C-alpha cells in the first residue's frame, strides 16, 4: 500500500507557524505584488478562497486579495521544516520517495508487524507530524501511487482518505470531473465540450476512442485514471543516488519569465538539498510535461560537479530551451541531479574562472540562511531584458 503525504499549504503554513499574527489570515508567499514580473510561490487556504494560486502573478493576486499578507519566501526555513517532516516519515518505512520539498510517497508494504494496519499507521504518522513540527499533512492511502495522490487531496487541509484495494475504479468514478488530478483547465474544458461531465462518463468510453479525441498520451491517461489504474509514472528518487524536485502547476505555464522563475526555484531546492545532505553530482536532468499529457525529458553530464545554483540554473535553462516546444503550455516541471556521490570530483576544472569563490559564497549563504532569527539572503531574478532570447 502506498501513502501519499502532502504538507498543507507548506510555505504559508510555516509562516503562520512562525508568526502567530498571520494565523487565520490570507498569507501569500512570493514576490513583490507591485512588480509586474513577480509570481506567487504558494498561499494559505484563506488566500485560496479569493482565487489566488501558485504561479499566478503577484500583481493579480493583490487584485484578487487586496488584504493579503505578502511575504518573501524563506527557503532555508522551509527546508529545515521539510527535513523534520521527512525524518518522521523515515521512522515509519524504509522506502520513502520524496517528490519535492513538501510531498512524499511512503511504501507501507510489510510495516504491519511494527505499526499495525496501514490505515492506522497513516493516522499515527499524521499525529506525529502535528505534535513534533506544528504542521498538518493531508494523506491518501491506496494500492497505487496515482490513486493515493488523488485521495490525499480529497479533504484538504489535514485530511485522510483510504481507498481499499479493489475499490479504485469505484472511487475515481464517484468523483466530480474537477478531481481528475493531472487534468488542467484546458483539458477539462475540452472534456466538457466533448460531452464528458463526470469521470464515470469517461470510464464508459474505450481507450482507443479517448486516444482519437485526446491524443495517444492524453487518451491513455484518461482511460487509466478513470479506471483507477496507475495513470501517472512518478519519478523515482533514490536517496543515495539522486535528488530531484518537481511541481505540477494549477495552470499551464507559457510565459518564459514565469517558466524560468519556476525552474530557478526547483534548482535552488535541489542545490540546497545537495549541499545540506552532502552530495555531489555531474548529471543534470529535466522533465517537462505539457498540457496534452505528453512528457519529455533530457539530461546532461558535465566534466565536473555541478556545485553552485548558478551553474545548475544555467544548465537547466539550456536543457529547457533545447526541448521546449514554444507556445505549448507546461503542466509540470522537474529538475534533478543523478548519480550522486558523497565524494567530490577529484579532477575538477583545469581553470577555476572564479567558481571557487562562488562556491564558497553559496556555502556561506546556505549556512547563514540555516540559522534562525536572522535576515535571509535571497537570490534575485534577472530582468526580462537580460534573459536569453528564444526563437520567434
Protein backbone atom coordinates (compact mmCIF):
# COMPACT_ATOMS: atom_id res chain seq x y z
CA UNK A 1 0.00 0.00 0.00
CA UNK A 2 1.20 3.49 -0.87
CA UNK A 3 0.65 6.51 1.33
CA UNK A 4 0.88 9.91 -0.36
CA UNK A 5 1.54 12.66 2.15
CA UNK A 6 1.28 16.34 1.27
CA UNK A 7 2.12 19.20 3.63
CA UNK A 8 -0.83 21.59 3.63
CA UNK A 9 -0.02 24.98 2.01
CA UNK A 10 3.51 24.34 3.20
CA UNK A 11 5.36 27.65 2.80
CA UNK A 12 2.39 29.67 4.04
CA UNK A 13 1.82 27.26 6.92
CA UNK A 14 5.42 27.69 8.08
CA UNK A 15 4.96 31.46 8.02
CA UNK A 16 1.78 31.13 10.09
CA UNK A 17 3.57 28.76 12.47
CA UNK A 18 6.49 31.16 13.00
CA UNK A 19 4.38 34.32 13.07
CA UNK A 20 1.18 33.79 15.06
CA UNK A 21 -0.20 37.14 13.90
CA UNK A 22 -0.57 35.61 10.40
CA UNK A 23 -2.80 32.73 11.53
CA UNK A 24 -6.27 32.74 10.07
CA UNK A 25 -5.27 35.40 7.54
CA UNK A 26 -4.56 35.25 3.79
CA UNK A 27 -0.79 34.76 3.54
CA UNK A 28 0.78 34.89 0.08
CA UNK A 29 4.38 33.74 -0.31
CA UNK A 30 6.18 35.09 -3.34
CA UNK A 31 7.48 38.24 -4.90
CA UNK A 32 6.65 41.91 -4.64
CA UNK A 33 2.98 42.46 -5.59
CA UNK A 34 3.93 45.85 -7.04
CA UNK A 35 6.31 44.20 -9.51
CA UNK A 36 4.74 43.10 -12.78
CA UNK A 37 7.09 40.12 -13.03
CA UNK A 38 6.75 38.66 -9.51
CA UNK A 39 4.85 35.41 -9.05
CA UNK A 40 3.19 33.54 -6.21
CA UNK A 41 5.03 30.51 -4.82
CA UNK A 42 2.15 29.38 -2.63
CA UNK A 43 -0.55 30.79 -0.39
CA UNK A 44 -2.62 29.90 2.65
CA UNK A 45 -6.09 28.40 2.36
CA UNK A 46 -7.51 31.75 3.47
CA UNK A 47 -5.98 33.33 0.34
CA UNK A 48 -7.11 30.49 -1.92
CA UNK A 49 -10.71 31.38 -1.18
CA UNK A 50 -10.10 34.54 -3.21
CA UNK A 51 -8.82 32.58 -6.21
CA UNK A 52 -5.10 33.01 -5.53
CA UNK A 53 -2.89 30.10 -6.60
CA UNK A 54 0.75 29.25 -7.24
CA UNK A 55 2.44 30.52 -10.43
CA UNK A 56 -0.04 33.42 -10.59
CA UNK A 57 1.45 36.88 -10.91
CA UNK A 58 1.74 38.60 -7.55
CA UNK A 59 0.06 41.67 -9.03
CA UNK A 60 -3.00 39.63 -9.98
CA UNK A 61 -3.02 38.04 -6.53
CA UNK A 62 -3.13 41.51 -4.98
CA UNK A 63 -6.11 42.45 -7.14
CA UNK A 64 -7.96 39.29 -6.09
CA UNK A 65 -6.95 39.57 -2.44
CA UNK A 66 -6.13 43.20 -1.58
CA UNK A 67 -5.88 42.40 2.13
CA UNK A 68 -3.42 39.58 1.55
CA UNK A 69 -0.22 39.48 3.56
CA UNK A 70 2.63 39.21 1.05
CA UNK A 71 5.87 37.72 2.39
CA UNK A 72 9.16 36.76 0.81
CA UNK A 73 9.96 33.08 0.82
CA UNK A 74 12.47 31.72 3.33
CA UNK A 75 13.72 28.59 1.58
CA UNK A 76 16.23 27.65 4.25
CA UNK A 77 13.48 27.66 6.89
CA UNK A 78 11.19 25.61 4.65
CA UNK A 79 13.96 23.07 4.07
CA UNK A 80 14.58 22.89 7.80
CA UNK A 81 10.92 22.04 8.47
CA UNK A 82 10.84 19.70 5.49
CA UNK A 83 13.76 17.72 6.90
CA UNK A 84 11.94 17.45 10.23
CA UNK A 85 8.87 16.01 8.50
CA UNK A 86 10.78 13.66 6.19
CA UNK A 87 12.74 12.28 9.15
CA UNK A 88 9.40 11.34 10.74
CA UNK A 89 8.37 9.56 7.54
CA UNK A 90 11.63 7.57 7.69
CA UNK A 91 10.58 6.21 11.08
CA UNK A 92 7.55 4.52 9.51
CA UNK A 93 9.08 2.95 6.39
CA UNK A 94 12.48 2.26 4.82
CA UNK A 95 11.02 3.24 1.43
CA UNK A 96 10.21 6.96 1.35
CA UNK A 97 10.16 8.62 -2.07
CA UNK A 98 10.43 12.36 -1.60
CA UNK A 99 8.80 14.08 -4.57
CA UNK A 100 9.54 17.65 -3.56
CA UNK A 101 10.08 19.79 -0.51
CA UNK A 102 6.50 19.25 0.66
CA UNK A 103 5.32 15.83 -0.50
CA UNK A 104 6.36 12.20 -0.48
CA UNK A 105 5.18 8.68 -1.19
CA UNK A 106 5.64 6.17 1.61
CA UNK A 107 5.53 2.45 0.84
CA UNK A 108 3.86 0.82 3.84
CA UNK A 109 4.23 -2.72 2.47
CA UNK A 110 5.50 -5.01 5.20
CA UNK A 111 5.15 -2.49 8.03
CA UNK A 112 2.06 -4.15 9.53
CA UNK A 113 4.02 -6.15 12.12
CA UNK A 114 5.55 -2.98 13.52
CA UNK A 115 2.72 -0.47 13.26
CA UNK A 116 -0.47 -2.39 12.54
CA UNK A 117 -2.85 -1.91 9.58
CA UNK A 118 -1.73 0.74 7.04
CA UNK A 119 -4.72 2.99 7.74
CA UNK A 120 -3.81 3.10 11.45
CA UNK A 121 -0.20 3.80 10.54
CA UNK A 122 -1.29 6.72 8.39
CA UNK A 123 -3.27 8.30 11.22
CA UNK A 124 -0.40 7.78 13.64
CA UNK A 125 2.02 9.40 11.18
CA UNK A 126 -0.26 12.42 10.77
CA UNK A 127 -0.46 12.84 14.54
CA UNK A 128 3.32 12.58 14.92
CA UNK A 129 3.92 15.29 12.31
CA UNK A 130 1.48 17.64 14.01
CA UNK A 131 2.83 17.02 17.50
CA UNK A 132 6.52 17.32 16.60
CA UNK A 133 6.51 20.02 13.90
CA UNK A 134 3.30 22.00 14.40
CA UNK A 135 2.33 21.38 10.78
CA UNK A 136 -0.56 19.42 9.29
CA UNK A 137 -0.46 16.98 6.40
CA UNK A 138 -3.11 15.52 4.15
CA UNK A 139 -2.72 11.85 3.28
CA UNK A 140 -4.13 9.35 0.82
CA UNK A 141 -3.71 5.58 1.09
CA UNK A 142 -4.21 3.26 -1.89
CA UNK A 143 -2.78 0.34 -3.83
CA UNK A 144 -1.13 2.58 -6.46
CA UNK A 145 0.51 5.98 -6.31
CA UNK A 146 -1.89 7.81 -8.59
CA UNK A 147 -4.95 6.90 -6.52
CA UNK A 148 -3.04 7.73 -3.32
CA UNK A 149 -2.20 11.13 -4.80
CA UNK A 150 -5.82 11.83 -5.70
CA UNK A 151 -7.01 10.59 -2.32
CA UNK A 152 -4.68 12.92 -0.41
CA UNK A 153 -6.36 15.92 -2.00
CA UNK A 154 -9.94 14.91 -1.24
CA UNK A 155 -10.36 16.62 2.13
CA UNK A 156 -7.62 19.20 2.46
CA UNK A 157 -6.37 20.52 4.77
CA UNK A 158 -5.45 17.89 7.37
CA UNK A 159 -7.44 15.20 5.59
CA UNK A 160 -7.12 11.45 5.21
CA UNK A 161 -8.72 9.17 2.62
CA UNK A 162 -8.27 5.40 2.38
CA UNK A 163 -9.17 3.69 -0.90
CA UNK A 164 -9.35 -0.04 -0.23
CA UNK A 165 -7.86 -2.49 -2.76
CA UNK A 166 -10.45 -3.37 -5.39
CA UNK A 167 -12.34 -0.08 -4.94
CA UNK A 168 -10.03 2.12 -7.04
CA UNK A 169 -12.31 2.35 -10.09
CA UNK A 170 -15.40 2.94 -7.97
CA UNK A 171 -13.55 5.67 -6.04
CA UNK A 172 -12.47 7.54 -9.17
CA UNK A 173 -15.84 7.23 -10.88
CA UNK A 174 -17.57 8.68 -7.83
CA UNK A 175 -15.59 11.91 -8.08
CA UNK A 176 -16.54 15.06 -10.00
CA UNK A 177 -14.61 15.85 -13.15
CA UNK A 178 -12.61 18.57 -11.36
CA UNK A 179 -10.94 15.94 -9.14
CA UNK A 180 -9.22 14.31 -12.12
CA UNK A 181 -5.69 15.08 -10.92
CA UNK A 182 -3.31 15.97 -13.74
CA UNK A 183 -6.02 17.43 -15.99
CA UNK A 184 -5.72 21.19 -16.28
CA UNK A 185 -8.40 23.76 -17.10
CA UNK A 186 -7.91 23.39 -20.87
CA UNK A 187 -8.32 19.62 -20.71
CA UNK A 188 -11.40 19.94 -18.50
CA UNK A 189 -12.91 22.42 -20.96
CA UNK A 190 -12.23 20.07 -23.87
CA UNK A 191 -13.74 17.17 -21.95
CA UNK A 192 -16.95 19.13 -21.36
CA UNK A 193 -17.04 20.27 -24.98
CA UNK A 194 -16.76 16.59 -25.94
CA UNK A 195 -19.74 15.69 -23.77
CA UNK A 196 -17.96 14.41 -20.65
CA UNK A 197 -19.24 15.86 -17.39
CA UNK A 198 -18.12 13.18 -14.95
CA UNK A 199 -15.26 10.72 -14.56
CA UNK A 200 -17.79 7.90 -14.83
CA UNK A 201 -18.69 9.05 -18.34
CA UNK A 202 -15.00 8.92 -19.33
CA UNK A 203 -14.75 5.36 -18.00
CA UNK A 204 -17.62 4.29 -20.25
CA UNK A 205 -15.55 5.06 -23.37
CA UNK A 206 -12.86 2.80 -24.83
CA UNK A 207 -9.19 3.76 -24.66
CA UNK A 208 -8.99 3.89 -28.45
CA UNK A 209 -11.84 6.38 -28.66
CA UNK A 210 -10.26 8.56 -26.00
CA UNK A 211 -6.96 8.48 -27.87
CA UNK A 212 -8.68 9.65 -31.04
CA UNK A 213 -10.10 12.63 -29.22
CA UNK A 214 -7.26 13.49 -26.84
CA UNK A 215 -4.12 12.06 -28.39
CA UNK A 216 -2.24 8.86 -27.55
CA UNK A 217 -0.82 10.07 -24.23
CA UNK A 218 -3.91 12.01 -23.22
CA UNK A 219 -6.31 9.22 -24.10
CA UNK A 220 -4.32 6.59 -22.22
CA UNK A 221 -4.10 8.86 -19.19
CA UNK A 222 -7.85 9.46 -19.14
CA UNK A 223 -8.63 5.76 -19.56
CA UNK A 224 -6.25 4.63 -16.82
CA UNK A 225 -7.24 7.39 -14.39
CA UNK A 226 -10.98 6.79 -14.80
CA UNK A 227 -10.50 3.07 -14.16
CA UNK A 228 -8.39 3.58 -11.02
CA UNK A 229 -5.20 2.35 -12.65
CA UNK A 230 -1.67 3.76 -12.29
CA UNK A 231 -2.26 6.72 -14.60
CA UNK A 232 0.92 8.57 -13.65
CA UNK A 233 4.54 7.47 -13.57
CA UNK A 234 6.10 9.33 -10.68
CA UNK A 235 9.83 9.93 -10.91
CA UNK A 236 11.63 7.58 -8.57
CA UNK A 237 14.26 9.17 -6.37
CA UNK A 238 16.79 7.05 -4.57
CA UNK A 239 18.07 8.92 -1.57
CA UNK A 240 21.56 7.55 -2.12
CA UNK A 241 21.80 8.17 -5.85
CA UNK A 242 19.60 11.08 -6.94
CA UNK A 243 17.95 14.21 -5.65
CA UNK A 244 15.09 15.85 -7.50
CA UNK A 245 12.17 18.21 -7.24
CA UNK A 246 9.11 18.55 -9.43
CA UNK A 247 5.92 20.57 -9.36
CA UNK A 248 2.58 20.32 -11.13
CA UNK A 249 1.10 23.76 -11.76
CA UNK A 250 -2.60 24.60 -11.46
CA UNK A 251 -2.49 26.40 -14.81
CA UNK A 252 -0.35 25.81 -17.88
CA UNK A 253 2.81 27.92 -17.90
CA UNK A 254 3.54 29.69 -21.19
CA UNK A 255 5.40 32.87 -20.22
CA UNK A 256 9.21 32.34 -20.47
CA UNK A 257 9.93 34.55 -17.47
CA UNK A 258 7.49 32.69 -15.22
CA UNK A 259 8.84 29.35 -16.51
CA UNK A 260 12.42 30.42 -15.74
CA UNK A 261 11.38 31.59 -12.27
CA UNK A 262 9.77 28.20 -11.66
CA UNK A 263 12.93 26.45 -12.88
CA UNK A 264 15.10 28.62 -10.64
CA UNK A 265 13.01 27.69 -7.60
CA UNK A 266 13.38 24.00 -8.41
CA UNK A 267 17.15 24.44 -8.93
CA UNK A 268 17.53 26.18 -5.58
CA UNK A 269 15.60 23.40 -3.88
CA UNK A 270 17.80 20.70 -5.44
CA UNK A 271 21.06 22.57 -4.74
CA UNK A 272 20.06 23.23 -1.13
CA UNK A 273 19.41 19.53 -0.57
CA UNK A 274 22.66 18.52 -2.28
CA UNK A 275 24.60 20.91 -0.07
CA UNK A 276 22.90 20.11 3.22
CA UNK A 277 22.84 16.34 2.60
CA UNK A 278 26.48 16.28 1.49
CA UNK A 279 26.10 15.03 -2.10
CA UNK A 280 27.92 15.85 -5.34
CA UNK A 281 26.81 15.21 -8.91
CA UNK A 282 27.75 15.92 -12.50
CA UNK A 283 24.47 14.81 -14.12
CA UNK A 284 21.52 17.18 -14.53
CA UNK A 285 18.13 16.02 -15.74
CA UNK A 286 15.00 17.95 -16.67
CA UNK A 287 11.41 16.76 -17.02
CA UNK A 288 8.68 18.64 -18.92
CA UNK A 289 5.02 17.68 -19.12
CA UNK A 290 2.73 19.59 -21.45
CA UNK A 291 -0.95 20.30 -21.16
CA UNK A 292 -1.76 17.41 -23.53
CA UNK A 293 -0.08 14.96 -21.09
CA UNK A 294 2.89 14.33 -23.36
CA UNK A 295 6.12 14.19 -21.38
CA UNK A 296 9.73 14.68 -22.41
CA UNK A 297 12.99 14.54 -20.56
CA UNK A 298 16.61 15.35 -21.19
CA UNK A 299 19.81 15.08 -19.22
CA UNK A 300 23.44 16.14 -19.50
CA UNK A 301 26.58 15.02 -17.69
CA UNK A 302 29.31 17.61 -17.16
CA UNK A 303 33.04 17.11 -16.72
CA UNK A 304 32.96 18.42 -13.16
CA UNK A 305 30.47 18.60 -10.32
CA UNK A 306 27.54 20.98 -10.71
CA UNK A 307 28.23 22.67 -7.41
CA UNK A 308 26.52 26.08 -7.48
CA UNK A 309 22.93 27.18 -8.02
CA UNK A 310 24.05 29.47 -10.84
CA UNK A 311 25.75 26.60 -12.66
CA UNK A 312 22.72 24.36 -12.20
CA UNK A 313 20.24 27.05 -13.27
CA UNK A 314 22.26 27.83 -16.40
CA UNK A 315 22.47 24.13 -17.28
CA UNK A 316 18.74 23.61 -16.70
CA UNK A 317 17.82 26.63 -18.85
CA UNK A 318 19.95 25.32 -21.71
CA UNK A 319 18.31 21.91 -21.44
CA UNK A 320 14.87 23.50 -21.27
CA UNK A 321 15.25 25.66 -24.37
CA UNK A 322 16.69 22.70 -26.27
CA UNK A 323 13.48 20.73 -25.67
CA UNK A 324 10.61 23.19 -25.15
CA UNK A 325 8.03 23.43 -27.90
CA UNK A 326 7.44 27.17 -27.67
CA UNK A 327 3.81 28.08 -27.16
CA UNK A 328 2.92 24.72 -25.63
CA UNK A 329 1.56 25.11 -22.12
CA UNK A 330 3.55 23.34 -19.41
CA UNK A 331 1.75 21.45 -16.62
CA UNK A 332 4.76 20.03 -14.79
CA UNK A 333 8.46 20.79 -14.42
CA UNK A 334 11.04 18.63 -12.72
CA UNK A 335 14.75 19.18 -12.04
CA UNK A 336 17.13 16.60 -10.65
CA UNK A 337 20.71 15.50 -10.12
CA UNK A 338 21.51 11.82 -10.55
CA UNK A 339 24.48 9.53 -9.91
CA UNK A 340 25.12 11.44 -6.70
CA UNK A 341 28.18 10.71 -4.61
CA UNK A 342 29.39 11.73 -1.19
CA UNK A 343 32.88 12.20 -2.67
CA UNK A 344 33.52 15.33 -4.77
CA UNK A 345 35.08 15.07 -8.22
CA UNK A 346 38.83 14.93 -7.72
CA UNK A 347 39.69 16.27 -11.18
CA UNK A 348 37.64 19.45 -11.22
CA UNK A 349 38.29 22.05 -13.90
CA UNK A 350 41.70 22.98 -15.27
CA UNK A 351 40.94 26.67 -14.76
CA UNK A 352 38.76 27.97 -11.95
CA UNK A 353 37.38 31.19 -13.50
CA UNK A 354 36.26 32.36 -10.07
CA UNK A 355 33.99 29.37 -9.46
CA UNK A 356 35.75 28.52 -6.21
CA UNK A 357 34.82 31.92 -4.79
CA UNK A 358 31.23 31.45 -5.96
CA UNK A 359 31.07 28.03 -4.31
CA UNK A 360 32.40 29.44 -1.04
CA UNK A 361 29.90 32.30 -1.20
CA UNK A 362 26.98 29.92 -1.81
CA UNK A 363 28.06 27.68 1.07
CA UNK A 364 28.25 30.73 3.32
CA UNK A 365 24.78 31.88 2.25
CA UNK A 366 23.27 28.43 2.87
CA UNK A 367 24.95 28.24 6.27
CA UNK A 368 23.73 31.75 7.12
CA UNK A 369 20.18 31.10 5.98
CA UNK A 370 20.06 27.88 8.03
CA UNK A 371 20.30 29.94 11.21
CA UNK A 372 17.14 31.03 12.99
CA UNK A 373 16.13 34.63 13.61
CA UNK A 374 18.48 36.18 11.07
CA UNK A 375 17.61 38.20 7.93
CA UNK A 376 17.64 35.79 4.99
CA UNK A 377 19.74 36.38 1.89
CA UNK A 378 17.63 35.98 -1.24
CA UNK A 379 18.65 35.48 -4.86
CA UNK A 380 17.25 37.99 -7.36
CA UNK A 381 15.87 37.19 -10.82
CA UNK A 382 17.20 38.75 -13.98
CA UNK A 383 15.09 41.43 -15.58
CA UNK A 384 13.29 40.27 -18.73
CA UNK A 385 15.67 42.31 -20.89
CA UNK A 386 18.58 40.26 -19.54
CA UNK A 387 17.02 36.90 -20.34
CA UNK A 388 18.28 34.79 -23.24
CA UNK A 389 16.35 35.27 -26.46
CA UNK A 390 14.26 32.45 -27.88
CA UNK A 391 13.28 31.85 -31.46
CA UNK A 392 10.22 33.80 -32.52
